[in-house]
Amino acid sequence: MSVARIRETIAECLSGAQSDSPEVQQKALQTLSTITKVSPQNRSLLAQSDGVIPALLNLSKSSTTLQPLSLSILFHLSLNPNLKQSLAEMETIYHLNSIILSLSCPESGRLASSLICSLAMLDKNKAKFGVAGTIQSLVTAVSDPVCPAAHHLLSSLAELVQFHGNCTLAVRSGAVPVLIQAAQSTNGEDLAGTSLAILGLLVRFEEGLNALRKTDQIVNSMVEVLKGRCMLSKEGAAEILLRLFDESEGCVRDALRLPEFPTMLADLSIRGSARAREKASLLMKKLMEADMDAYGDRNSMFLKW
């Protein structure tokens, strides 16, 4: 299709999107979603149309039928790197926050989360989302045990907490217990793996580390993860344990009280992924160093093992 024809189609669709007929609006938005799904050029041509972003934003505030279609088009536009900054207006972010907190349309929640994640990939936008309260909204939404968009929400949170200021906001919003609960959930290995990956990002900074150290039975919780099948989760749990052991003798002592822990680490150091094997070896080394004092009185867990 020629550029001239695409421009003509876009103009027709934008006109149809403003129609009084819901059917005409729906058809117009479906066409725009289709032509912008895979073509960066078509996205750029649509973005050049006057007033298109405010128009799509208004349509995303309308019926449950038009909202997902409008959000899908905005998401497609956000895939073009040069459009990410202009799309991340505060009004848009506030609206996305309200969508992810609403349970009225699961598909809209997933699309809003995907749009947040896409826009947050531009580092300049990360602080904006923090200021707009998106971190708190994501944590609140994920805390719902039956949240249908949990994986999408966690992916957005994982992208946003790569910025230190957002890590602080996440911890203060209660993200640590929410993520630990998600990591222990039986709703899916991907969910657990992503939750632990976020905890691994939070624990890089003092706020996140302190929150994890204060969590009751945190070492036991991570050991339970190591017993599971998901390798991504095991990598995340091992990373968190390493950080805890570096900063807390109490956590090391808790681990030394678990007789099955060395066996689990030995198994992981052989059967795990390359990253898991590396982390398991480092954990074994730290435990052995911490256990040296026990050699004199023959109470060493490694001697017993």
Protein backbone atom coordinates (compact mmCIF):
# COMPACT_ATOMS: atom_id res chain seq x y z
CA MET A 1 0.00 0.00 0.00
CA SER A 2 1.40 3.41 -0.99
CA VAL A 3 2.07 6.14 1.56
CA ALA A 4 -0.65 8.26 -0.04
CA ARG A 5 -3.16 5.44 0.34
CA ILE A 6 -2.13 4.85 3.94
CA ARG A 7 -2.59 8.54 4.75
CA GLU A 8 -6.03 8.40 3.16
CA THR A 9 -6.97 5.32 5.18
CA ILE A 10 -5.76 6.95 8.39
CA ALA A 11 -7.79 10.09 7.70
CA GLU A 12 -10.92 8.01 7.02
CA CYS A 13 -10.42 6.00 10.19
CA LEU A 14 -9.85 9.07 12.36
CA SER A 15 -13.04 10.55 10.98
CA GLY A 16 -14.88 7.30 11.65
CA ALA A 17 -13.52 7.17 15.19
CA GLN A 18 -15.38 10.41 15.90
CA SER A 19 -18.67 9.07 14.53
CA ASP A 20 -21.82 8.89 16.63
CA SER A 21 -22.16 5.23 15.63
CA PRO A 22 -20.36 2.79 17.98
CA GLU A 23 -20.13 0.28 15.13
CA VAL A 24 -18.41 2.78 12.84
CA GLN A 25 -16.06 3.81 15.67
CA GLN A 26 -15.18 0.20 16.41
CA LYS A 27 -14.45 -0.62 12.76
CA ALA A 28 -12.28 2.49 12.39
CA LEU A 29 -10.24 1.69 15.49
CA GLN A 30 -9.84 -1.95 14.45
CA THR A 31 -8.39 -0.81 11.14
CA LEU A 32 -5.98 1.60 12.84
CA SER A 33 -4.89 -1.12 15.24
CA THR A 34 -4.25 -3.51 12.36
CA ILE A 35 -2.20 -1.13 10.21
CA THR A 36 -0.04 0.04 13.14
CA LYS A 37 0.60 -3.40 14.62
CA VAL A 38 3.70 -4.30 12.60
CA SER A 39 4.60 -1.21 10.56
CA PRO A 40 6.80 1.53 12.12
CA GLN A 41 6.09 3.68 9.08
CA ASN A 42 2.34 3.46 9.58
CA ARG A 43 2.78 4.36 13.25
CA SER A 44 4.76 7.44 12.31
CA LEU A 45 2.17 8.48 9.74
CA LEU A 46 -0.64 8.12 12.29
CA ALA A 47 1.32 10.05 14.92
CA GLN A 48 1.76 12.93 12.44
CA SER A 49 -2.01 13.39 12.24
CA ASP A 50 -3.24 16.45 14.14
CA GLY A 51 -4.71 15.72 17.55
CA VAL A 52 -4.50 11.95 17.22
CA ILE A 53 -3.05 11.26 20.68
CA PRO A 54 -5.68 13.29 22.60
CA ALA A 55 -8.38 11.72 20.44
CA LEU A 56 -7.21 8.18 21.20
CA LEU A 57 -6.87 9.04 24.87
CA ASN A 58 -10.46 10.29 24.97
CA LEU A 59 -11.69 7.17 23.19
CA SER A 60 -9.85 5.03 25.73
CA LYS A 61 -12.03 6.63 28.40
CA SER A 62 -15.23 5.55 26.66
CA SER A 63 -16.95 2.17 26.36
CA THR A 64 -15.39 -1.16 27.30
CA THR A 65 -15.46 -2.02 23.59
CA LEU A 66 -13.56 1.04 22.36
CA GLN A 67 -11.16 1.28 25.30
CA PRO A 68 -9.05 -1.82 24.49
CA LEU A 69 -8.86 -0.87 20.81
CA SER A 70 -7.71 2.67 21.62
CA LEU A 71 -5.14 1.36 24.08
CA SER A 72 -3.84 -1.15 21.55
CA ILE A 73 -3.22 1.66 19.04
CA LEU A 74 -1.43 3.76 21.67
CA PHE A 75 0.66 0.72 22.56
CA HIS A 76 1.58 0.16 18.91
CA LEU A 77 2.62 3.82 18.62
CA SER A 78 4.80 3.47 21.71
CA LEU A 79 6.86 0.77 19.97
CA ASN A 80 8.49 3.48 17.87
CA PRO A 81 11.38 4.80 20.02
CA ASN A 82 10.94 8.38 18.80
CA LEU A 83 7.31 8.45 20.02
CA LYS A 84 7.84 7.24 23.58
CA GLN A 85 8.57 10.63 25.13
CA SER A 86 5.67 12.46 23.50
CA LEU A 87 3.23 9.72 24.52
CA ALA A 88 4.25 9.86 28.19
CA GLU A 89 2.25 12.94 29.12
CA MET A 90 1.12 13.18 32.74
CA GLU A 91 -2.55 13.09 31.74
CA THR A 92 -1.94 9.82 29.88
CA ILE A 93 -0.04 8.31 32.80
CA TYR A 94 -2.76 9.23 35.29
CA HIS A 95 -5.33 7.62 33.02
CA LEU A 96 -3.27 4.43 32.71
CA ASN A 97 -2.98 4.31 36.50
CA SER A 98 -6.76 4.43 36.83
CA ILE A 99 -7.18 1.62 34.29
CA ILE A 100 -4.82 -0.80 36.02
CA LEU A 101 -6.60 -0.17 39.33
CA SER A 102 -9.97 -0.93 37.74
CA LEU A 103 -11.24 -4.48 37.45
CA SER A 104 -13.89 -3.63 34.85
CA CYS A 105 -11.97 -4.84 31.78
CA PRO A 106 -9.05 -7.29 32.14
CA GLU A 107 -7.95 -6.76 28.53
CA SER A 108 -7.68 -3.01 29.11
CA GLY A 109 -5.61 -3.68 32.22
CA ARG A 110 -3.18 -5.84 30.26
CA LEU A 111 -2.89 -3.27 27.48
CA ALA A 112 -2.43 -0.37 29.90
CA SER A 113 0.31 -2.32 31.67
CA SER A 114 2.01 -3.11 28.37
CA LEU A 115 1.85 0.55 27.38
CA ILE A 116 3.42 1.58 30.70
CA CYS A 117 6.19 -0.97 30.23
CA SER A 118 6.87 0.19 26.68
CA LEU A 119 7.00 3.87 27.61
CA ALA A 120 9.18 3.14 30.65
CA MET A 121 11.84 1.61 28.41
CA LEU A 122 12.86 5.19 27.68
CA ASP A 123 14.91 6.11 30.74
CA LYS A 124 13.73 9.72 30.63
CA ASN A 125 10.18 8.51 31.27
CA LYS A 126 10.91 6.37 34.35
CA ALA A 127 10.93 9.27 36.83
CA LYS A 128 7.68 10.60 35.35
CA PHE A 129 5.86 7.40 36.23
CA GLY A 130 7.25 7.57 39.75
CA VAL A 131 6.00 11.13 40.21
CA ALA A 132 2.58 10.21 38.81
CA GLY A 133 2.02 7.40 41.34
CA THR A 134 2.31 4.51 38.90
CA ILE A 135 4.53 2.48 41.24
CA GLN A 136 1.91 2.59 44.00
CA SER A 137 -0.83 1.70 41.51
CA LEU A 138 1.11 -1.30 40.20
CA VAL A 139 1.83 -2.63 43.69
CA THR A 140 -1.80 -2.21 44.70
CA ALA A 141 -3.04 -3.99 41.58
CA VAL A 142 -0.57 -6.88 41.91
CA SER A 143 -1.57 -7.41 45.55
CA ASP A 144 -4.95 -8.66 44.34
CA PRO A 145 -4.58 -12.48 44.42
CA VAL A 146 -6.92 -12.90 41.45
CA CYS A 147 -5.52 -10.08 39.32
CA PRO A 148 -5.88 -11.19 35.66
CA ALA A 149 -3.09 -8.89 34.44
CA ALA A 150 -0.52 -9.78 37.13
CA HIS A 151 2.23 -10.81 34.71
CA HIS A 152 1.87 -7.63 32.65
CA LEU A 153 1.83 -5.49 35.80
CA LEU A 154 4.97 -7.15 37.14
CA SER A 155 6.76 -6.63 33.82
CA SER A 156 5.98 -2.91 34.05
CA LEU A 157 7.17 -2.77 37.66
CA ALA A 158 10.38 -4.61 36.71
CA GLU A 159 11.13 -1.97 34.09
CA LEU A 160 10.34 0.99 36.35
CA VAL A 161 12.37 -0.11 39.39
CA GLN A 162 15.57 -0.03 37.36
CA PHE A 163 15.49 3.65 38.37
CA HIS A 164 16.67 4.05 41.99
CA GLY A 165 13.98 6.57 42.94
CA ASN A 166 11.28 4.13 41.85
CA CYS A 167 12.88 1.39 43.98
CA THR A 168 12.39 3.59 47.02
CA LEU A 169 8.77 4.25 46.07
CA ALA A 170 8.14 0.53 45.53
CA VAL A 171 9.54 -0.42 48.94
CA ARG A 172 7.55 2.31 50.69
CA SER A 173 4.43 1.16 48.85
CA GLY A 174 4.76 -2.33 50.34
CA ALA A 175 6.15 -4.07 47.27
CA VAL A 176 8.39 -6.49 49.18
CA PRO A 177 5.64 -8.55 50.91
CA VAL A 178 3.49 -8.40 47.77
CA LEU A 179 6.34 -9.74 45.63
CA ILE A 180 7.22 -12.47 48.11
CA GLN A 181 3.59 -13.57 48.08
CA ALA A 182 3.62 -13.59 44.28
CA ALA A 183 6.87 -15.57 44.27
CA GLN A 184 5.24 -18.23 46.43
CA SER A 185 2.08 -18.28 44.33
CA THR A 186 1.00 -21.37 42.45
CA ASN A 187 -0.48 -19.26 39.63
CA GLY A 188 2.52 -19.72 37.34
CA GLU A 189 6.28 -20.05 37.21
CA ASP A 190 6.63 -16.91 35.09
CA LEU A 191 4.87 -14.91 37.79
CA ALA A 192 7.21 -16.22 40.49
CA GLY A 193 10.30 -15.69 38.36
CA THR A 194 9.41 -12.09 37.52
CA SER A 195 8.58 -11.33 41.16
CA LEU A 196 11.97 -12.61 42.30
CA ALA A 197 13.72 -10.69 39.53
CA ILE A 198 12.11 -7.48 40.84
CA LEU A 199 13.12 -8.33 44.41
CA GLY A 200 16.64 -8.81 43.08
CA LEU A 201 16.51 -5.27 41.68
CA LEU A 202 15.12 -3.84 44.91
CA VAL A 203 17.74 -5.53 47.07
CA ARG A 204 20.54 -3.67 45.23
CA PHE A 205 19.66 -0.60 47.25
CA GLU A 206 19.61 -0.02 50.99
CA GLU A 207 15.83 0.48 51.21
CA GLY A 208 15.07 -2.81 49.53
CA LEU A 209 17.75 -4.71 51.40
CA ASN A 210 16.49 -3.47 54.78
CA ALA A 211 12.91 -4.37 53.90
CA LEU A 212 13.92 -7.92 52.98
CA ARG A 213 16.07 -8.34 56.09
CA LYS A 214 13.10 -7.36 58.24
CA THR A 215 10.82 -9.86 56.51
CA ASP A 216 9.93 -12.76 58.77
CA GLN A 217 11.43 -16.08 57.63
CA ILE A 218 12.93 -14.54 54.51
CA VAL A 219 15.72 -17.14 54.31
CA ASN A 220 13.22 -20.00 54.64
CA SER A 221 11.05 -18.40 51.96
CA MET A 222 13.95 -18.22 49.49
CA VAL A 223 15.00 -21.79 50.32
CA GLU A 224 11.48 -22.95 49.52
CA VAL A 225 11.85 -21.28 46.13
CA LEU A 226 15.10 -23.18 45.57
CA LYS A 227 13.15 -26.39 46.07
CA GLY A 228 10.88 -25.56 43.13
CA ARG A 229 11.25 -26.34 39.44
CA CYS A 230 11.49 -22.89 37.84
CA MET A 231 15.15 -22.11 37.08
CA LEU A 232 14.47 -18.38 36.72
CA SER A 233 13.02 -18.39 40.23
CA LYS A 234 16.00 -20.31 41.57
CA GLU A 235 18.38 -17.79 40.03
CA GLY A 236 16.44 -14.94 41.61
CA ALA A 237 16.29 -16.59 45.04
CA ALA A 238 20.02 -17.36 44.97
CA GLU A 239 20.81 -13.75 44.02
CA ILE A 240 18.71 -12.46 46.92
CA LEU A 241 20.31 -14.87 49.39
CA LEU A 242 23.77 -13.73 48.30
CA ARG A 243 22.88 -10.11 48.93
CA LEU A 244 21.36 -10.96 52.31
CA PHE A 245 24.39 -13.01 53.34
CA ASP A 246 26.69 -10.14 52.39
CA GLU A 247 24.89 -7.76 54.72
CA SER A 248 23.36 -9.86 57.50
CA GLU A 249 25.03 -12.37 59.78
CA GLY A 250 21.59 -13.22 61.11
CA CYS A 251 20.50 -14.45 57.68
CA VAL A 252 23.63 -16.59 57.43
CA ARG A 253 22.89 -18.12 60.85
CA ASP A 254 19.33 -18.84 59.74
CA ALA A 255 20.68 -20.69 56.71
CA LEU A 256 23.15 -22.66 58.84
CA ARG A 257 20.22 -24.01 60.84
CA LEU A 258 18.75 -25.65 57.73
CA PRO A 259 20.41 -29.07 57.37
CA GLU A 260 19.07 -29.61 53.85
CA PHE A 261 20.49 -26.34 52.51
CA PRO A 262 24.01 -27.60 51.54
CA THR A 263 22.51 -30.52 49.63
CA MET A 264 20.21 -28.19 47.72
CA LEU A 265 23.11 -25.89 46.86
CA ALA A 266 25.26 -28.81 45.74
CA ASP A 267 22.47 -30.02 43.47
CA LEU A 268 21.94 -26.54 42.07
CA SER A 269 25.66 -26.11 41.43
CA ILE A 270 25.53 -29.22 39.21
CA ARG A 271 22.06 -29.23 37.65
CA GLY A 272 21.31 -25.53 37.48
CA SER A 273 21.71 -23.02 34.69
CA ALA A 274 25.08 -21.32 34.27
CA ARG A 275 23.91 -18.37 36.36
CA ALA A 276 22.36 -20.60 39.01
CA ARG A 277 25.53 -22.69 39.25
CA GLU A 278 27.61 -19.57 39.75
CA LYS A 279 25.31 -18.27 42.50
CA ALA A 280 25.14 -21.67 44.21
CA SER A 281 28.94 -21.91 44.32
CA LEU A 282 29.20 -18.45 45.87
CA LEU A 283 26.56 -19.34 48.46
CA MET A 284 28.39 -22.53 49.36
CA LYS A 285 31.60 -20.57 49.82
CA LYS A 286 29.93 -18.02 52.09
CA LEU A 287 28.31 -20.71 54.21
CA MET A 288 31.58 -22.59 54.61
CA GLU A 289 33.38 -19.41 55.65
CA ALA A 290 30.66 -18.60 58.18
CA ASP A 291 30.74 -22.17 59.47
CA MET A 292 34.47 -22.22 60.25
CA ASP A 293 33.89 -21.40 63.92
CA ALA A 294 31.90 -24.60 64.31
CA TYR A 295 34.73 -26.86 63.23
CA GLY A 296 36.40 -26.60 66.64
CA ASP A 297 33.44 -28.00 68.55
CA ARG A 298 32.50 -30.52 65.85
CA ASN A 299 29.09 -28.90 65.28
CA SER A 300 29.72 -27.85 61.72
CA MET A 301 26.82 -28.49 59.38
CA PHE A 302 29.32 -29.33 56.64
CA LEU A 303 31.00 -31.98 58.77
CA LYS A 304 27.59 -33.53 59.39
CA TRP A 305 26.75 -33.25 55.70
